[in-house]
Amino acid sequence: MRDLIDPALLPGLDMMPALDLNDAILPALRDGMEQASAAMPEPVGTGVTTRDEQVRTSDGHSVTVRVYTPSGAGPRPAILQIHGGGYVMGSVNTGHGAMMTLAAAVEAVIVSVDYRLAPETRAPGPVEDCYAALVWLHERAADLGIDPARIAVSGQSAGGGLAAALTQMARDRGGPAIAHQILVYPMLDDRTCITRQPEHLGAFVWTPQANAFGWRSLLGREPGAAEVPPYAVPARAADLSGLPPAFIAVGALDLFLAEDMDYARRLIEAKVPVELHVYPGAYHGFDVMPGAPVSGRMQRDMIAALRRALHGEEGAEAA
């Protein structure tokens, strides 16, 4: 099946082997991800400064957020960033360098949230952490030099699932307002675990086994059950109306292809503007492969969508 992969992405399979997730190996995988993140050099010349802050949640614990501030005068738009990791791995260190680059490219303050992970924290705990960070971002707008009317949410994989759930939660709670949602190969539907998929979907990087472990850890039950905790599974929401415009990107070999396309369809049917991109020959997480043209194309598409949403610019050249 490797012949289906874009040749420029083949080296990435050595960087991101398929995961065999279980409780015993999870601590080592978390440590490995943190070490890999720490070893990545920061991009030079971005002009972006970073600092960590603490956000108090409604139930009294604290969540770390990392604030990325580009050079120049405000007020700027803002992006609440939610990292990936299958709901069980990752931190604000995940994609740290990419966030510096993105903050400069979009000319936006980015606030990355270190939400609690499953299985130690089950749903809806992680999305409640993200909501607390969104409220903090809105309330601290003046101090952060941002325009509270121009806040987007962005996430990759499980972070994309949390971003989608967060827009539903914010809508149902009457705010804070979200101007746009960026969902990069989002993990949206636990029912994919019990739905027969073509063999080549999910054959690389994020597999059906890993997917079932991630959902089981978040839900505290087998995926595909009749009932799930509130805001745990964005694709199960009955009503998608009134949500912010969405950018959805997914690879054609990703296990999440069908659920992401179906979510885009349902958003469109609910009269939510959607920009959907499917990238041929691309597996889950393909955009982290440096130098691959398809990875660069996805980054340009995403930056252009953010600049249109947050700055009112038209065309990819605006990036």
C-alpha atoms as a PDB file:
ATOM      1  CA  MET A   1       0.000   0.000   0.000  1.00  0.00           C
ATOM      2  CA  ARG A   2       3.014   2.280   0.138  1.00  0.00           C
ATOM      3  CA  ASP A   3       2.499   2.869  -3.572  1.00  0.00           C
ATOM      4  CA  LEU A   4      -0.555   4.991  -2.648  1.00  0.00           C
ATOM      5  CA  ILE A   5       1.570   7.446  -0.671  1.00  0.00           C
ATOM      6  CA  ASP A   6       2.840  10.669  -2.186  1.00  0.00           C
ATOM      7  CA  PRO A   7       6.553   9.860  -2.778  1.00  0.00           C
ATOM      8  CA  ALA A   8       7.632  13.031  -0.998  1.00  0.00           C
ATOM      9  CA  LEU A   9       5.891  11.773   2.152  1.00  0.00           C
ATOM     10  CA  LEU A  10       7.500   8.314   2.255  1.00  0.00           C
ATOM     11  CA  PRO A  11      10.420   9.398   4.497  1.00  0.00           C
ATOM     12  CA  GLY A  12       7.887  10.538   7.060  1.00  0.00           C
ATOM     13  CA  LEU A  13       6.867   6.962   7.774  1.00  0.00           C
ATOM     14  CA  ASP A  14      10.253   6.425   9.400  1.00  0.00           C
ATOM     15  CA  MET A  15       9.721   9.540  11.528  1.00  0.00           C
ATOM     16  CA  MET A  16       6.156   8.573  12.489  1.00  0.00           C
ATOM     17  CA  PRO A  17       5.784   4.789  12.676  1.00  0.00           C
ATOM     18  CA  ALA A  18       2.345   3.307  13.268  1.00  0.00           C
ATOM     19  CA  LEU A  19       1.462   3.373  16.962  1.00  0.00           C
ATOM     20  CA  ASP A  20       0.531   0.304  18.990  1.00  0.00           C
ATOM     21  CA  LEU A  21      -1.068   2.056  21.932  1.00  0.00           C
ATOM     22  CA  ASN A  22      -1.798   0.478  25.301  1.00  0.00           C
ATOM     23  CA  ASP A  23      -1.765   1.537  28.949  1.00  0.00           C
ATOM     24  CA  ALA A  24       1.631  -0.019  29.632  1.00  0.00           C
ATOM     25  CA  ILE A  25       3.471   1.815  26.874  1.00  0.00           C
ATOM     26  CA  LEU A  26       1.655   5.153  27.142  1.00  0.00           C
ATOM     27  CA  PRO A  27       4.040   6.782  29.694  1.00  0.00           C
ATOM     28  CA  ALA A  28       7.059   5.993  27.509  1.00  0.00           C
ATOM     29  CA  LEU A  29       5.305   7.350  24.419  1.00  0.00           C
ATOM     30  CA  ARG A  30       4.439  10.553  26.251  1.00  0.00           C
ATOM     31  CA  ASP A  31       8.037  10.957  27.391  1.00  0.00           C
ATOM     32  CA  GLY A  32       9.297  10.279  23.886  1.00  0.00           C
ATOM     33  CA  MET A  33       6.991  12.903  22.410  1.00  0.00           C
ATOM     34  CA  GLU A  34       8.172  15.463  24.969  1.00  0.00           C
ATOM     35  CA  GLN A  35      11.820  14.684  24.287  1.00  0.00           C
ATOM     36  CA  ALA A  36      11.288  14.952  20.546  1.00  0.00           C
ATOM     37  CA  SER A  37       9.518  18.287  20.983  1.00  0.00           C
ATOM     38  CA  ALA A  38      12.301  19.613  23.203  1.00  0.00           C
ATOM     39  CA  ALA A  39      14.927  18.599  20.641  1.00  0.00           C
ATOM     40  CA  MET A  40      13.309  20.621  17.856  1.00  0.00           C
ATOM     41  CA  PRO A  41      15.041  23.975  17.383  1.00  0.00           C
ATOM     42  CA  GLU A  42      12.929  27.104  17.430  1.00  0.00           C
ATOM     43  CA  PRO A  43      12.606  28.895  14.076  1.00  0.00           C
ATOM     44  CA  VAL A  44      14.772  31.995  13.834  1.00  0.00           C
ATOM     45  CA  GLY A  45      13.714  35.449  12.792  1.00  0.00           C
ATOM     46  CA  THR A  46       9.995  35.148  13.530  1.00  0.00           C
ATOM     47  CA  GLY A  47       9.934  38.070  15.951  1.00  0.00           C
ATOM     48  CA  VAL A  48       7.513  36.051  18.103  1.00  0.00           C
ATOM     49  CA  THR A  49       7.881  36.077  21.903  1.00  0.00           C
ATOM     50  CA  THR A  50       6.459  33.369  24.154  1.00  0.00           C
ATOM     51  CA  ARG A  51       5.453  33.076  27.772  1.00  0.00           C
ATOM     52  CA  ASP A  52       3.468  30.627  29.887  1.00  0.00           C
ATOM     53  CA  GLU A  53       0.468  31.632  31.991  1.00  0.00           C
ATOM     54  CA  GLN A  54      -1.868  29.795  34.362  1.00  0.00           C
ATOM     55  CA  VAL A  55      -5.629  29.671  33.802  1.00  0.00           C
ATOM     56  CA  ARG A  56      -8.014  28.754  36.602  1.00  0.00           C
ATOM     57  CA  THR A  57     -10.899  26.535  35.548  1.00  0.00           C
ATOM     58  CA  SER A  58     -14.439  26.467  36.874  1.00  0.00           C
ATOM     59  CA  ASP A  59     -13.681  23.456  39.095  1.00  0.00           C
ATOM     60  CA  GLY A  60     -10.623  25.099  40.652  1.00  0.00           C
ATOM     61  CA  HIS A  61      -7.607  23.505  39.007  1.00  0.00           C
ATOM     62  CA  SER A  62      -5.047  25.309  36.846  1.00  0.00           C
ATOM     63  CA  VAL A  63      -4.234  24.810  33.183  1.00  0.00           C
ATOM     64  CA  THR A  64      -1.077  26.116  31.540  1.00  0.00           C
ATOM     65  CA  VAL A  65      -1.424  28.172  28.373  1.00  0.00           C
ATOM     66  CA  ARG A  66       1.479  29.297  26.195  1.00  0.00           C
ATOM     67  CA  VAL A  67       1.089  32.722  24.628  1.00  0.00           C
ATOM     68  CA  TYR A  68       2.778  33.511  21.301  1.00  0.00           C
ATOM     69  CA  THR A  69       2.907  37.224  20.522  1.00  0.00           C
ATOM     70  CA  PRO A  70       4.132  38.449  17.124  1.00  0.00           C
ATOM     71  CA  SER A  71       5.984  41.711  16.717  1.00  0.00           C
ATOM     72  CA  GLY A  72       4.095  44.873  15.771  1.00  0.00           C
ATOM     73  CA  ALA A  73       1.276  46.893  17.195  1.00  0.00           C
ATOM     74  CA  GLY A  74      -2.128  45.568  18.157  1.00  0.00           C
ATOM     75  CA  PRO A  75      -4.900  44.952  18.545  1.00  0.00           C
ATOM     76  CA  ARG A  76      -4.407  41.681  16.713  1.00  0.00           C
ATOM     77  CA  PRO A  77      -6.656  38.712  16.124  1.00  0.00           C
ATOM     78  CA  ALA A  78      -6.108  35.602  18.236  1.00  0.00           C
ATOM     79  CA  ILE A  79      -6.054  31.845  17.757  1.00  0.00           C
ATOM     80  CA  LEU A  80      -6.763  29.374  20.535  1.00  0.00           C
ATOM     81  CA  GLN A  81      -4.569  26.397  19.632  1.00  0.00           C
ATOM     82  CA  ILE A  82      -5.345  22.840  20.796  1.00  0.00           C
ATOM     83  CA  HIS A  83      -2.626  20.228  20.257  1.00  0.00           C
ATOM     84  CA  GLY A  84      -3.109  16.695  19.002  1.00  0.00           C
ATOM     85  CA  GLY A  85      -2.106  13.334  20.440  1.00  0.00           C
ATOM     86  CA  GLY A  86      -5.131  11.060  20.318  1.00  0.00           C
ATOM     87  CA  TYR A  87      -6.542  12.601  23.530  1.00  0.00           C
ATOM     88  CA  VAL A  88      -3.825  10.717  25.463  1.00  0.00           C
ATOM     89  CA  MET A  89      -0.523  12.428  24.531  1.00  0.00           C
ATOM     90  CA  GLY A  90       0.967  15.815  23.767  1.00  0.00           C
ATOM     91  CA  SER A  91       1.371  19.169  25.509  1.00  0.00           C
ATOM     92  CA  VAL A  92       1.954  22.843  24.752  1.00  0.00           C
ATOM     93  CA  ASN A  93       5.420  21.737  23.624  1.00  0.00           C
ATOM     94  CA  THR A  94       3.846  19.799  20.739  1.00  0.00           C
ATOM     95  CA  GLY A  95       4.376  21.840  17.595  1.00  0.00           C
ATOM     96  CA  HIS A  96       5.945  24.721  19.544  1.00  0.00           C
ATOM     97  CA  GLY A  97       8.088  25.869  16.621  1.00  0.00           C
ATOM     98  CA  ALA A  98       5.178  25.591  14.211  1.00  0.00           C
ATOM     99  CA  MET A  99       3.136  27.897  16.455  1.00  0.00           C
ATOM    100  CA  MET A 100       5.883  30.530  16.357  1.00  0.00           C
ATOM    101  CA  THR A 101       5.890  30.373  12.566  1.00  0.00           C
ATOM    102  CA  LEU A 102       2.092  30.483  12.391  1.00  0.00           C
ATOM    103  CA  ALA A 103       1.798  33.464  14.751  1.00  0.00           C
ATOM    104  CA  ALA A 104       4.157  35.444  12.512  1.00  0.00           C
ATOM    105  CA  ALA A 105       2.495  34.320   9.264  1.00  0.00           C
ATOM    106  CA  VAL A 106      -1.041  35.134  10.398  1.00  0.00           C
ATOM    107  CA  GLU A 107      -0.055  38.150  12.526  1.00  0.00           C
ATOM    108  CA  ALA A 108      -2.122  36.795  15.377  1.00  0.00           C
ATOM    109  CA  VAL A 109      -1.599  36.087  19.043  1.00  0.00           C
ATOM    110  CA  ILE A 110      -1.739  32.331  19.607  1.00  0.00           C
ATOM    111  CA  VAL A 111      -2.734  30.851  22.951  1.00  0.00           C
ATOM    112  CA  SER A 112      -1.942  27.134  23.148  1.00  0.00           C
ATOM    113  CA  VAL A 113      -3.747  25.235  25.904  1.00  0.00           C
ATOM    114  CA  ASP A 114      -2.217  22.371  27.911  1.00  0.00           C
ATOM    115  CA  TYR A 115      -5.482  20.531  28.521  1.00  0.00           C
ATOM    116  CA  ARG A 116      -5.590  17.483  30.777  1.00  0.00           C
ATOM    117  CA  LEU A 117      -5.114  14.136  29.055  1.00  0.00           C
ATOM    118  CA  ALA A 118      -7.060  10.877  29.098  1.00  0.00           C
ATOM    119  CA  PRO A 119      -7.337   8.345  30.604  1.00  0.00           C
ATOM    120  CA  GLU A 120      -6.440  10.283  33.767  1.00  0.00           C
ATOM    121  CA  THR A 121      -9.053  12.893  32.806  1.00  0.00           C
ATOM    122  CA  ARG A 122     -12.058  11.675  30.882  1.00  0.00           C
ATOM    123  CA  ALA A 123     -14.609  13.622  28.873  1.00  0.00           C
ATOM    124  CA  PRO A 124     -15.756  16.311  29.205  1.00  0.00           C
ATOM    125  CA  GLY A 125     -12.718  17.372  31.261  1.00  0.00           C
ATOM    126  CA  PRO A 126     -10.375  18.151  28.333  1.00  0.00           C
ATOM    127  CA  VAL A 127     -12.877  20.324  26.452  1.00  0.00           C
ATOM    128  CA  GLU A 128     -13.802  22.110  29.699  1.00  0.00           C
ATOM    129  CA  ASP A 129     -10.114  23.024  30.026  1.00  0.00           C
ATOM    130  CA  CYS A 130     -10.198  24.417  26.486  1.00  0.00           C
ATOM    131  CA  TYR A 131     -13.347  26.383  27.274  1.00  0.00           C
ATOM    132  CA  ALA A 132     -11.681  27.884  30.360  1.00  0.00           C
ATOM    133  CA  ALA A 133      -8.768  28.962  28.157  1.00  0.00           C
ATOM    134  CA  LEU A 134     -11.196  30.511  25.653  1.00  0.00           C
ATOM    135  CA  VAL A 135     -12.942  32.492  28.413  1.00  0.00           C
ATOM    136  CA  TRP A 136      -9.556  33.618  29.775  1.00  0.00           C
ATOM    137  CA  LEU A 137      -8.449  34.694  26.303  1.00  0.00           C
ATOM    138  CA  HIS A 138     -11.618  36.729  25.834  1.00  0.00           C
ATOM    139  CA  GLU A 139     -11.484  38.310  29.290  1.00  0.00           C
ATOM    140  CA  ARG A 140      -7.772  39.158  28.954  1.00  0.00           C
ATOM    141  CA  ALA A 141      -8.138  40.594  25.453  1.00  0.00           C
ATOM    142  CA  ALA A 142      -6.961  44.092  26.386  1.00  0.00           C
ATOM    143  CA  ASP A 143      -3.912  42.814  28.292  1.00  0.00           C
ATOM    144  CA  LEU A 144      -3.009  40.456  25.444  1.00  0.00           C
ATOM    145  CA  GLY A 145      -3.461  43.142  22.793  1.00  0.00           C
ATOM    146  CA  ILE A 146      -6.121  41.233  20.873  1.00  0.00           C
ATOM    147  CA  ASP A 147      -9.455  42.028  19.282  1.00  0.00           C
ATOM    148  CA  PRO A 148     -12.047  39.820  21.059  1.00  0.00           C
ATOM    149  CA  ALA A 149     -14.242  39.895  17.943  1.00  0.00           C
ATOM    150  CA  ARG A 150     -11.527  38.074  15.974  1.00  0.00           C
ATOM    151  CA  ILE A 151     -10.817  34.837  17.854  1.00  0.00           C
ATOM    152  CA  ALA A 152     -10.369  31.575  15.949  1.00  0.00           C
ATOM    153  CA  VAL A 153      -9.882  28.083  17.339  1.00  0.00           C
ATOM    154  CA  SER A 154      -7.483  25.613  15.773  1.00  0.00           C
ATOM    155  CA  GLY A 155      -6.557  22.004  16.425  1.00  0.00           C
ATOM    156  CA  GLN A 156      -4.930  18.986  14.889  1.00  0.00           C
ATOM    157  CA  SER A 157      -6.180  15.391  15.213  1.00  0.00           C
ATOM    158  CA  ALA A 158      -7.597  15.082  18.757  1.00  0.00           C
ATOM    159  CA  GLY A 159      -7.024  18.824  19.059  1.00  0.00           C
ATOM    160  CA  GLY A 160      -9.244  19.252  16.021  1.00  0.00           C
ATOM    161  CA  GLY A 161     -11.902  17.190  17.732  1.00  0.00           C
ATOM    162  CA  LEU A 162     -11.639  19.353  20.837  1.00  0.00           C
ATOM    163  CA  ALA A 163     -11.765  22.512  18.707  1.00  0.00           C
ATOM    164  CA  ALA A 164     -14.966  21.306  17.048  1.00  0.00           C
ATOM    165  CA  ALA A 165     -16.473  20.374  20.427  1.00  0.00           C
ATOM    166  CA  LEU A 166     -15.427  23.742  21.834  1.00  0.00           C
ATOM    167  CA  THR A 167     -17.354  25.626  19.143  1.00  0.00           C
ATOM    168  CA  GLN A 168     -20.449  23.616  20.046  1.00  0.00           C
ATOM    169  CA  MET A 169     -19.965  24.306  23.758  1.00  0.00           C
ATOM    170  CA  ALA A 170     -19.398  28.031  23.224  1.00  0.00           C
ATOM    171  CA  ARG A 171     -22.495  28.235  21.011  1.00  0.00           C
ATOM    172  CA  ASP A 172     -24.647  26.466  23.596  1.00  0.00           C
ATOM    173  CA  ARG A 173     -23.310  28.582  26.475  1.00  0.00           C
ATOM    174  CA  GLY A 174     -23.767  31.851  24.627  1.00  0.00           C
ATOM    175  CA  GLY A 175     -20.089  32.636  24.058  1.00  0.00           C
ATOM    176  CA  PRO A 176     -17.369  33.712  23.932  1.00  0.00           C
ATOM    177  CA  ALA A 177     -17.822  34.246  20.221  1.00  0.00           C
ATOM    178  CA  ILE A 178     -15.591  32.266  17.859  1.00  0.00           C
ATOM    179  CA  ALA A 179     -14.974  33.719  14.408  1.00  0.00           C
ATOM    180  CA  HIS A 180     -13.551  30.629  12.691  1.00  0.00           C
ATOM    181  CA  GLN A 181     -12.566  27.013  13.317  1.00  0.00           C
ATOM    182  CA  ILE A 182      -9.503  25.332  11.791  1.00  0.00           C
ATOM    183  CA  LEU A 183      -9.847  21.544  11.954  1.00  0.00           C
ATOM    184  CA  VAL A 184      -6.764  19.703  10.698  1.00  0.00           C
ATOM    185  CA  TYR A 185      -7.461  15.972  10.207  1.00  0.00           C
ATOM    186  CA  PRO A 186      -9.780  16.193  13.230  1.00  0.00           C
ATOM    187  CA  MET A 187     -10.675  13.179  15.395  1.00  0.00           C
ATOM    188  CA  LEU A 188     -14.437  13.654  15.470  1.00  0.00           C
ATOM    189  CA  ASP A 189     -16.311  10.361  15.670  1.00  0.00           C
ATOM    190  CA  ASP A 190     -15.825   7.341  17.946  1.00  0.00           C
ATOM    191  CA  ARG A 191     -18.153   5.344  15.687  1.00  0.00           C
ATOM    192  CA  THR A 192     -15.341   5.056  13.132  1.00  0.00           C
ATOM    193  CA  CYS A 193     -14.004   2.375  15.498  1.00  0.00           C
ATOM    194  CA  ILE A 194     -16.988   0.128  14.779  1.00  0.00           C
ATOM    195  CA  THR A 195     -17.413   1.023  11.102  1.00  0.00           C
ATOM    196  CA  ARG A 196     -15.708  -1.055   8.449  1.00  0.00           C
ATOM    197  CA  GLN A 197     -13.093   1.031   6.636  1.00  0.00           C
ATOM    198  CA  PRO A 198     -11.150   0.309   3.439  1.00  0.00           C
ATOM    199  CA  GLU A 199      -7.862  -1.344   4.368  1.00  0.00           C
ATOM    200  CA  HIS A 200      -5.687   1.517   3.110  1.00  0.00           C
ATOM    201  CA  LEU A 201      -7.393   4.111   5.310  1.00  0.00           C
ATOM    202  CA  GLY A 202      -5.557   4.217   8.602  1.00  0.00           C
ATOM    203  CA  ALA A 203      -2.840   1.812   7.506  1.00  0.00           C
ATOM    204  CA  PHE A 204      -0.189   4.384   8.360  1.00  0.00           C
ATOM    205  CA  VAL A 205       0.660   6.357  11.532  1.00  0.00           C
ATOM    206  CA  TRP A 206      -2.771   6.517  13.271  1.00  0.00           C
ATOM    207  CA  THR A 207      -4.292   3.046  13.009  1.00  0.00           C
ATOM    208  CA  PRO A 208      -7.682   1.600  13.994  1.00  0.00           C
ATOM    209  CA  GLN A 209      -6.041   0.064  17.076  1.00  0.00           C
ATOM    210  CA  ALA A 210      -4.645   3.399  18.212  1.00  0.00           C
ATOM    211  CA  ASN A 211      -7.954   5.092  17.449  1.00  0.00           C
ATOM    212  CA  ALA A 212      -9.907   2.652  19.603  1.00  0.00           C
ATOM    213  CA  PHE A 213      -7.443   3.145  22.475  1.00  0.00           C
ATOM    214  CA  GLY A 214      -7.717   6.933  22.253  1.00  0.00           C
ATOM    215  CA  TRP A 215     -11.491   6.957  22.248  1.00  0.00           C
ATOM    216  CA  ARG A 216     -11.723   4.317  24.983  1.00  0.00           C
ATOM    217  CA  SER A 217      -9.394   6.410  27.139  1.00  0.00           C
ATOM    218  CA  LEU A 218     -11.416   9.600  26.635  1.00  0.00           C
ATOM    219  CA  LEU A 219     -14.889   8.084  26.980  1.00  0.00           C
ATOM    220  CA  GLY A 220     -14.224   5.561  29.739  1.00  0.00           C
ATOM    221  CA  ARG A 221     -16.145   2.959  27.757  1.00  0.00           C
ATOM    222  CA  GLU A 222     -15.929   1.128  24.472  1.00  0.00           C
ATOM    223  CA  PRO A 223     -16.202   3.441  21.463  1.00  0.00           C
ATOM    224  CA  GLY A 224     -19.432   3.250  19.503  1.00  0.00           C
ATOM    225  CA  ALA A 225     -21.657   2.804  22.565  1.00  0.00           C
ATOM    226  CA  ALA A 226     -25.183   4.164  22.493  1.00  0.00           C
ATOM    227  CA  GLU A 227     -24.400   6.974  24.957  1.00  0.00           C
ATOM    228  CA  VAL A 228     -21.360   9.231  25.225  1.00  0.00           C
ATOM    229  CA  PRO A 229     -20.504  12.100  27.617  1.00  0.00           C
ATOM    230  CA  PRO A 230     -21.603  15.589  26.539  1.00  0.00           C
ATOM    231  CA  TYR A 231     -19.298  17.364  24.063  1.00  0.00           C
ATOM    232  CA  ALA A 232     -17.063  14.284  23.876  1.00  0.00           C
ATOM    233  CA  VAL A 233     -17.822  13.323  20.278  1.00  0.00           C
ATOM    234  CA  PRO A 234     -18.431  16.332  18.010  1.00  0.00           C
ATOM    235  CA  ALA A 235     -19.829  14.233  15.167  1.00  0.00           C
ATOM    236  CA  ARG A 236     -22.637  12.990  17.406  1.00  0.00           C
ATOM    237  CA  ALA A 237     -24.068  16.478  17.930  1.00  0.00           C
ATOM    238  CA  ALA A 238     -27.579  16.536  16.499  1.00  0.00           C
ATOM    239  CA  ASP A 239     -27.521  20.235  15.618  1.00  0.00           C
ATOM    240  CA  LEU A 240     -24.565  21.878  13.850  1.00  0.00           C
ATOM    241  CA  SER A 241     -26.317  25.143  13.030  1.00  0.00           C
ATOM    242  CA  GLY A 242     -24.961  28.415  14.312  1.00  0.00           C
ATOM    243  CA  LEU A 243     -21.345  27.239  14.392  1.00  0.00           C
ATOM    244  CA  PRO A 244     -18.480  29.376  13.035  1.00  0.00           C
ATOM    245  CA  PRO A 245     -17.148  28.910   9.489  1.00  0.00           C
ATOM    246  CA  ALA A 246     -14.792  25.967   9.194  1.00  0.00           C
ATOM    247  CA  PHE A 247     -11.611  24.981   7.389  1.00  0.00           C
ATOM    248  CA  ILE A 248     -11.194  21.193   7.341  1.00  0.00           C
ATOM    249  CA  ALA A 249      -8.079  19.475   5.989  1.00  0.00           C
ATOM    250  CA  VAL A 250      -7.424  15.733   5.799  1.00  0.00           C
ATOM    251  CA  GLY A 251      -5.254  13.330   3.856  1.00  0.00           C
ATOM    252  CA  ALA A 252      -6.826  10.861   1.436  1.00  0.00           C
ATOM    253  CA  LEU A 253      -5.170   7.948   3.313  1.00  0.00           C
ATOM    254  CA  ASP A 254      -6.182   9.131   6.782  1.00  0.00           C
ATOM    255  CA  LEU A 255      -8.401   6.942   8.949  1.00  0.00           C
ATOM    256  CA  PHE A 256     -10.472  10.077   9.629  1.00  0.00           C
ATOM    257  CA  LEU A 257     -11.231  10.757   5.955  1.00  0.00           C
ATOM    258  CA  ALA A 258     -14.859   9.572   5.979  1.00  0.00           C
ATOM    259  CA  GLU A 259     -15.784  11.145   9.336  1.00  0.00           C
ATOM    260  CA  ASP A 260     -14.190  14.467   8.378  1.00  0.00           C
ATOM    261  CA  MET A 261     -15.914  14.593   5.000  1.00  0.00           C
ATOM    262  CA  ASP A 262     -19.226  13.684   6.615  1.00  0.00           C
ATOM    263  CA  TYR A 263     -18.817  16.403   9.247  1.00  0.00           C
ATOM    264  CA  ALA A 264     -18.111  18.913   6.480  1.00  0.00           C
ATOM    265  CA  ARG A 265     -21.257  17.775   4.665  1.00  0.00           C
ATOM    266  CA  ARG A 266     -23.376  18.165   7.795  1.00  0.00           C
ATOM    267  CA  LEU A 267     -21.965  21.631   8.469  1.00  0.00           C
ATOM    268  CA  ILE A 268     -22.818  22.668   4.917  1.00  0.00           C
ATOM    269  CA  GLU A 269     -26.341  21.297   5.299  1.00  0.00           C
ATOM    270  CA  ALA A 270     -26.613  23.355   8.520  1.00  0.00           C
ATOM    271  CA  LYS A 271     -25.701  26.491   6.484  1.00  0.00           C
ATOM    272  CA  VAL A 272     -22.222  26.793   8.011  1.00  0.00           C
ATOM    273  CA  PRO A 273     -19.585  27.965   5.489  1.00  0.00           C
ATOM    274  CA  VAL A 274     -16.992  25.203   5.008  1.00  0.00           C
ATOM    275  CA  GLU A 275     -13.699  24.991   3.144  1.00  0.00           C
ATOM    276  CA  LEU A 276     -12.778  21.306   2.768  1.00  0.00           C
ATOM    277  CA  HIS A 277      -9.400  20.081   1.483  1.00  0.00           C
ATOM    278  CA  VAL A 278      -8.512  16.441   0.826  1.00  0.00           C
ATOM    279  CA  TYR A 279      -4.846  15.896  -0.016  1.00  0.00           C
ATOM    280  CA  PRO A 280      -4.038  12.922  -2.271  1.00  0.00           C
ATOM    281  CA  GLY A 281      -1.421  10.449  -1.093  1.00  0.00           C
ATOM    282  CA  ALA A 282      -1.356  11.915   2.417  1.00  0.00           C
ATOM    283  CA  TYR A 283      -1.535   9.971   5.677  1.00  0.00           C
ATOM    284  CA  HIS A 284      -2.376  11.215   9.176  1.00  0.00           C
ATOM    285  CA  GLY A 285       0.008  13.933  10.336  1.00  0.00           C
ATOM    286  CA  PHE A 286       1.517  14.382   6.877  1.00  0.00           C
ATOM    287  CA  ASP A 287       1.974  18.132   7.244  1.00  0.00           C
ATOM    288  CA  VAL A 288       4.852  17.742   9.701  1.00  0.00           C
ATOM    289  CA  MET A 289       6.995  16.259   6.933  1.00  0.00           C
ATOM    290  CA  PRO A 290       9.351  19.121   5.989  1.00  0.00           C
ATOM    291  CA  GLY A 291      10.016  19.804   2.338  1.00  0.00           C
ATOM    292  CA  ALA A 292       7.089  17.800   0.959  1.00  0.00           C
ATOM    293  CA  PRO A 293       5.137  19.932  -1.539  1.00  0.00           C
ATOM    294  CA  VAL A 294       1.793  18.605  -0.285  1.00  0.00           C
ATOM    295  CA  SER A 295       2.717  19.626   3.283  1.00  0.00           C
ATOM    296  CA  GLY A 296       3.580  23.128   2.126  1.00  0.00           C
ATOM    297  CA  ARG A 297       0.330  23.312   0.172  1.00  0.00           C
ATOM    298  CA  MET A 298      -1.704  22.414   3.245  1.00  0.00           C
ATOM    299  CA  GLN A 299       0.104  25.030   5.341  1.00  0.00           C
ATOM    300  CA  ARG A 300      -0.491  27.709   2.703  1.00  0.00           C
ATOM    301  CA  ASP A 301      -4.171  26.768   2.440  1.00  0.00           C
ATOM    302  CA  MET A 302      -4.593  26.984   6.218  1.00  0.00           C
ATOM    303  CA  ILE A 303      -2.749  30.299   6.571  1.00  0.00           C
ATOM    304  CA  ALA A 304      -4.760  31.801   3.715  1.00  0.00           C
ATOM    305  CA  ALA A 305      -8.010  30.667   5.385  1.00  0.00           C
ATOM    306  CA  LEU A 306      -6.951  32.204   8.691  1.00  0.00           C
ATOM    307  CA  ARG A 307      -5.946  35.486   7.094  1.00  0.00           C
ATOM    308  CA  ARG A 308      -9.269  35.690   5.250  1.00  0.00           C
ATOM    309  CA  ALA A 309     -11.174  34.983   8.450  1.00  0.00           C
ATOM    310  CA  LEU A 310      -9.135  37.191  10.779  1.00  0.00           C
ATOM    311  CA  HIS A 311      -7.891  39.985   8.508  1.00  0.00           C
ATOM    312  CA  GLY A 312     -10.505  39.980   5.751  1.00  0.00           C
ATOM    313  CA  GLU A 313      -7.880  39.235   3.115  1.00  0.00           C
ATOM    314  CA  GLU A 314      -8.601  37.422  -0.124  1.00  0.00           C
ATOM    315  CA  GLY A 315      -6.444  34.894  -1.940  1.00  0.00           C
ATOM    316  CA  ALA A 316      -3.581  32.648  -0.889  1.00  0.00           C
ATOM    317  CA  GLU A 317      -1.118  35.395  -1.802  1.00  0.00           C
ATOM    318  CA  ALA A 318      -2.194  37.229   1.350  1.00  0.00           C
ATOM    319  CA  ALA A 319      -0.201  34.674   3.364  1.00  0.00           C
END
